[in-house]
Amino acid sequence: MTHDLQTLTIEDFRPLLNQKIGIRFTADVRLDAELIELKPFQLYTPLEREPFSMVLRTEQWNEYYSQSIFIVEHPTKGDLPIFLVPIGLAAQGMRYEAIFS
């Protein structure tokens, strides 16, 4: 099952904050990631939802994936093809950001 990304809101992800969810980077590579940040944006948008960003952290240390569309496994919304951008290494691993505008 996949979900229309245009209808996702920050509230769809809030219950997952500080929890692990899966990211499928390739057909053979699936990693657990912790949702570590959700941030609303106070910007104008023609969409009905408020724009927001989310940051996911994997336990990758020496390797990471370049920005691309990856499958984020949401427990109730299904497989979500989300554009993720690596934003840097943190103390616990690599961080990836997605922006929903």
N, C-alpha and C. Protein backbone atom coordinates (compact mmCIF):
# COMPACT_ATOMS: atom_id res chain seq x y z
N MET A 1 0.84 -1.18 0.00
CA MET A 1 0.00 0.00 0.00
C MET A 1 0.88 1.24 0.00
N THR A 2 0.58 2.21 -0.85
CA THR A 2 1.26 3.49 -0.83
C THR A 2 0.24 4.58 -0.57
N HIS A 3 0.72 5.73 -0.16
CA HIS A 3 -0.15 6.83 0.24
C HIS A 3 0.19 8.06 -0.60
N ASP A 4 -0.79 8.90 -0.87
CA ASP A 4 -0.56 10.14 -1.60
C ASP A 4 0.23 11.11 -0.71
N LEU A 5 1.44 11.45 -1.12
CA LEU A 5 2.30 12.32 -0.32
C LEU A 5 1.72 13.71 -0.13
N GLN A 6 0.88 14.16 -1.05
CA GLN A 6 0.30 15.50 -0.96
C GLN A 6 -0.64 15.65 0.23
N THR A 7 -1.14 14.54 0.74
CA THR A 7 -2.10 14.62 1.85
C THR A 7 -1.45 14.34 3.21
N LEU A 8 -0.18 13.99 3.22
CA LEU A 8 0.49 13.73 4.51
C LEU A 8 0.68 15.03 5.28
N THR A 9 0.51 14.94 6.59
CA THR A 9 0.72 16.09 7.47
C THR A 9 1.73 15.72 8.54
N ILE A 10 2.16 16.72 9.28
CA ILE A 10 3.09 16.48 10.38
C ILE A 10 2.46 15.53 11.40
N GLU A 11 1.14 15.57 11.53
CA GLU A 11 0.44 14.71 12.49
C GLU A 11 0.52 13.23 12.10
N ASP A 12 0.73 12.94 10.82
CA ASP A 12 0.90 11.55 10.40
C ASP A 12 2.20 10.96 10.93
N PHE A 13 3.16 11.82 11.27
CA PHE A 13 4.47 11.35 11.73
C PHE A 13 4.69 11.56 13.23
N ARG A 14 3.90 12.45 13.84
CA ARG A 14 4.12 12.77 15.26
C ARG A 14 4.11 11.52 16.17
N PRO A 15 3.22 10.53 15.97
CA PRO A 15 3.26 9.35 16.84
C PRO A 15 4.56 8.53 16.69
N LEU A 16 5.30 8.76 15.61
CA LEU A 16 6.53 8.01 15.35
C LEU A 16 7.78 8.71 15.87
N LEU A 17 7.63 9.91 16.41
CA LEU A 17 8.77 10.67 16.90
C LEU A 17 9.53 9.87 17.97
N ASN A 18 10.84 9.79 17.81
CA ASN A 18 11.74 9.05 18.70
C ASN A 18 11.53 7.54 18.62
N GLN A 19 10.96 7.08 17.52
CA GLN A 19 10.79 5.65 17.30
C GLN A 19 11.51 5.24 16.02
N LYS A 20 11.73 3.95 15.88
CA LYS A 20 12.40 3.40 14.69
C LYS A 20 11.38 3.08 13.61
N ILE A 21 11.74 3.44 12.38
CA ILE A 21 10.99 3.05 11.20
C ILE A 21 12.00 2.62 10.14
N GLY A 22 11.56 1.87 9.18
CA GLY A 22 12.47 1.35 8.16
C GLY A 22 12.59 2.28 6.96
N ILE A 23 13.80 2.28 6.39
CA ILE A 23 14.04 2.95 5.11
C ILE A 23 14.65 1.92 4.18
N ARG A 24 14.05 1.75 3.00
CA ARG A 24 14.62 0.88 1.98
C ARG A 24 15.41 1.75 1.01
N PHE A 25 16.73 1.66 1.12
CA PHE A 25 17.60 2.46 0.27
C PHE A 25 17.78 1.82 -1.11
N THR A 26 17.80 0.49 -1.14
CA THR A 26 17.87 -0.26 -2.40
C THR A 26 17.01 -1.50 -2.22
N ALA A 27 16.91 -2.28 -3.27
CA ALA A 27 16.14 -3.52 -3.17
C ALA A 27 16.74 -4.46 -2.13
N ASP A 28 18.04 -4.35 -1.91
CA ASP A 28 18.74 -5.24 -0.98
C ASP A 28 19.10 -4.61 0.36
N VAL A 29 18.92 -3.30 0.50
CA VAL A 29 19.36 -2.61 1.73
C VAL A 29 18.18 -1.92 2.40
N ARG A 30 17.85 -2.42 3.59
CA ARG A 30 16.83 -1.81 4.44
C ARG A 30 17.48 -1.53 5.79
N LEU A 31 17.39 -0.28 6.24
CA LEU A 31 17.97 0.10 7.52
C LEU A 31 16.89 0.67 8.43
N ASP A 32 17.05 0.44 9.72
CA ASP A 32 16.20 1.10 10.69
C ASP A 32 16.70 2.53 10.86
N ALA A 33 15.76 3.44 11.04
CA ALA A 33 16.08 4.84 11.27
C ALA A 33 15.18 5.36 12.37
N GLU A 34 15.71 6.24 13.19
CA GLU A 34 14.91 6.87 14.24
C GLU A 34 14.44 8.23 13.75
N LEU A 35 13.15 8.50 13.89
CA LEU A 35 12.61 9.81 13.58
C LEU A 35 12.97 10.73 14.74
N ILE A 36 13.93 11.63 14.52
CA ILE A 36 14.45 12.43 15.63
C ILE A 36 13.94 13.87 15.66
N GLU A 37 13.32 14.33 14.55
CA GLU A 37 12.86 15.72 14.55
C GLU A 37 11.71 15.90 13.58
N LEU A 38 10.73 16.68 14.02
CA LEU A 38 9.62 17.16 13.18
C LEU A 38 9.53 18.66 13.40
N LYS A 39 9.47 19.43 12.30
CA LYS A 39 9.43 20.88 12.45
C LYS A 39 8.43 21.47 11.46
N PRO A 40 7.41 22.18 11.95
CA PRO A 40 6.47 22.85 11.04
C PRO A 40 7.11 24.12 10.48
N PHE A 41 6.69 24.52 9.27
CA PHE A 41 7.13 25.76 8.66
C PHE A 41 5.94 26.70 8.58
N GLN A 42 6.14 27.93 8.93
CA GLN A 42 5.09 28.93 8.85
C GLN A 42 5.20 29.69 7.54
N LEU A 43 5.01 28.99 6.44
CA LEU A 43 5.14 29.58 5.11
C LEU A 43 3.83 29.49 4.36
N TYR A 44 3.66 30.35 3.37
CA TYR A 44 2.50 30.24 2.51
C TYR A 44 2.67 29.01 1.61
N THR A 45 1.60 28.29 1.42
CA THR A 45 1.60 27.18 0.49
C THR A 45 0.19 27.02 -0.05
N PRO A 46 0.06 26.67 -1.34
CA PRO A 46 -1.29 26.45 -1.87
C PRO A 46 -1.89 25.12 -1.39
N LEU A 47 -1.11 24.31 -0.70
CA LEU A 47 -1.62 23.04 -0.19
C LEU A 47 -2.47 23.28 1.05
N GLU A 48 -3.33 22.35 1.33
CA GLU A 48 -4.15 22.46 2.53
C GLU A 48 -3.35 22.20 3.80
N ARG A 49 -2.29 21.42 3.67
CA ARG A 49 -1.50 21.10 4.86
C ARG A 49 -0.44 22.17 5.12
N GLU A 50 0.00 22.23 6.37
CA GLU A 50 1.10 23.11 6.75
C GLU A 50 2.42 22.43 6.34
N PRO A 51 3.33 23.14 5.68
CA PRO A 51 4.61 22.53 5.31
C PRO A 51 5.39 22.12 6.56
N PHE A 52 6.20 21.07 6.43
CA PHE A 52 6.99 20.60 7.57
C PHE A 52 8.21 19.84 7.08
N SER A 53 9.12 19.62 8.00
CA SER A 53 10.29 18.79 7.69
C SER A 53 10.40 17.70 8.75
N MET A 54 11.10 16.64 8.36
CA MET A 54 11.39 15.58 9.33
C MET A 54 12.83 15.15 9.12
N VAL A 55 13.45 14.72 10.22
CA VAL A 55 14.82 14.23 10.18
C VAL A 55 14.84 12.82 10.73
N LEU A 56 15.43 11.92 9.95
CA LEU A 56 15.59 10.52 10.34
C LEU A 56 17.08 10.25 10.52
N ARG A 57 17.42 9.44 11.51
CA ARG A 57 18.84 9.11 11.76
C ARG A 57 19.05 7.61 11.69
N THR A 58 19.99 7.21 10.85
CA THR A 58 20.39 5.80 10.77
C THR A 58 21.65 5.60 11.60
N GLU A 59 22.08 4.36 11.72
CA GLU A 59 23.32 4.07 12.44
C GLU A 59 24.50 3.93 11.49
N GLN A 60 24.41 4.59 10.33
CA GLN A 60 25.52 4.57 9.37
C GLN A 60 26.64 5.48 9.87
N TRP A 61 27.86 5.02 9.72
CA TRP A 61 29.01 5.82 10.17
C TRP A 61 29.95 6.16 9.02
N ASN A 62 30.31 5.21 8.21
CA ASN A 62 31.32 5.42 7.18
C ASN A 62 30.74 5.57 5.79
N GLU A 63 29.50 5.17 5.60
CA GLU A 63 28.87 5.25 4.30
C GLU A 63 27.50 5.88 4.47
N TYR A 64 27.05 6.52 3.40
CA TYR A 64 25.69 7.06 3.40
C TYR A 64 25.22 7.10 1.95
N TYR A 65 23.94 7.33 1.79
CA TYR A 65 23.34 7.38 0.46
C TYR A 65 23.16 8.83 0.04
N SER A 66 23.45 9.12 -1.23
CA SER A 66 23.23 10.46 -1.78
C SER A 66 21.74 10.75 -1.83
N GLN A 67 21.40 12.01 -1.96
CA GLN A 67 19.98 12.39 -2.01
C GLN A 67 19.27 11.67 -3.14
N SER A 68 18.10 11.17 -2.81
CA SER A 68 17.32 10.43 -3.78
C SER A 68 15.96 10.11 -3.15
N ILE A 69 15.11 9.47 -3.92
CA ILE A 69 13.83 8.99 -3.39
C ILE A 69 14.05 7.58 -2.85
N PHE A 70 13.70 7.41 -1.59
CA PHE A 70 13.81 6.12 -0.92
C PHE A 70 12.44 5.77 -0.33
N ILE A 71 12.25 4.51 -0.01
CA ILE A 71 10.98 4.07 0.55
C ILE A 71 11.05 4.11 2.08
N VAL A 72 10.21 4.95 2.66
CA VAL A 72 10.08 5.04 4.11
C VAL A 72 8.86 4.20 4.48
N GLU A 73 9.05 3.27 5.40
CA GLU A 73 8.00 2.34 5.79
C GLU A 73 7.21 2.89 6.97
N HIS A 74 6.08 3.51 6.67
CA HIS A 74 5.20 4.05 7.72
C HIS A 74 4.28 2.94 8.19
N PRO A 75 4.14 2.72 9.51
CA PRO A 75 3.36 1.58 9.99
C PRO A 75 1.87 1.61 9.63
N THR A 76 1.30 2.79 9.41
CA THR A 76 -0.12 2.84 9.05
C THR A 76 -0.38 3.38 7.65
N LYS A 77 0.53 4.18 7.13
CA LYS A 77 0.35 4.78 5.79
C LYS A 77 0.98 3.93 4.69
N GLY A 78 1.76 2.95 5.07
CA GLY A 78 2.38 2.07 4.07
C GLY A 78 3.73 2.57 3.60
N ASP A 79 4.13 2.11 2.42
CA ASP A 79 5.42 2.47 1.84
C ASP A 79 5.32 3.84 1.19
N LEU A 80 6.16 4.76 1.65
CA LEU A 80 6.13 6.13 1.16
C LEU A 80 7.40 6.46 0.39
N PRO A 81 7.31 6.78 -0.89
CA PRO A 81 8.49 7.16 -1.66
C PRO A 81 8.83 8.63 -1.35
N ILE A 82 9.83 8.84 -0.52
CA ILE A 82 10.14 10.18 -0.01
C ILE A 82 11.56 10.57 -0.43
N PHE A 83 11.70 11.82 -0.88
CA PHE A 83 13.00 12.36 -1.25
C PHE A 83 13.75 12.70 0.04
N LEU A 84 14.85 12.00 0.27
CA LEU A 84 15.68 12.21 1.46
C LEU A 84 17.03 12.78 1.06
N VAL A 85 17.51 13.72 1.88
CA VAL A 85 18.80 14.35 1.66
C VAL A 85 19.68 14.10 2.88
N PRO A 86 20.90 13.58 2.70
CA PRO A 86 21.79 13.42 3.84
C PRO A 86 22.22 14.81 4.33
N ILE A 87 22.08 15.07 5.63
CA ILE A 87 22.42 16.40 6.15
C ILE A 87 23.57 16.36 7.14
N GLY A 88 24.20 15.23 7.29
CA GLY A 88 25.40 15.18 8.12
C GLY A 88 25.37 14.13 9.20
N LEU A 89 26.56 13.85 9.65
CA LEU A 89 26.77 12.85 10.68
C LEU A 89 26.53 13.46 12.06
N ALA A 90 25.79 12.77 12.89
CA ALA A 90 25.57 13.16 14.28
C ALA A 90 26.31 12.14 15.16
N ALA A 91 26.26 12.34 16.45
CA ALA A 91 26.96 11.44 17.36
C ALA A 91 26.47 10.00 17.24
N GLN A 92 25.19 9.80 16.85
CA GLN A 92 24.63 8.46 16.76
C GLN A 92 24.54 7.92 15.34
N GLY A 93 24.87 8.70 14.32
CA GLY A 93 24.80 8.20 12.95
C GLY A 93 24.44 9.28 11.94
N MET A 94 24.17 8.86 10.71
CA MET A 94 23.86 9.78 9.62
C MET A 94 22.42 10.26 9.70
N ARG A 95 22.23 11.55 9.45
CA ARG A 95 20.89 12.15 9.44
C ARG A 95 20.45 12.43 8.01
N TYR A 96 19.17 12.15 7.75
CA TYR A 96 18.54 12.42 6.46
C TYR A 96 17.31 13.30 6.71
N GLU A 97 17.12 14.28 5.83
CA GLU A 97 15.99 15.19 5.98
C GLU A 97 15.04 15.08 4.79
N ALA A 98 13.76 15.20 5.09
CA ALA A 98 12.71 15.29 4.06
C ALA A 98 11.91 16.55 4.34
N ILE A 99 11.58 17.29 3.28
CA ILE A 99 10.78 18.50 3.41
C ILE A 99 9.48 18.30 2.63
N PHE A 100 8.39 18.56 3.30
CA PHE A 100 7.06 18.46 2.71
C PHE A 100 6.52 19.88 2.57
N SER A 101 6.48 20.38 1.35
CA SER A 101 6.04 21.77 1.14
C SER A 101 4.76 21.82 0.33
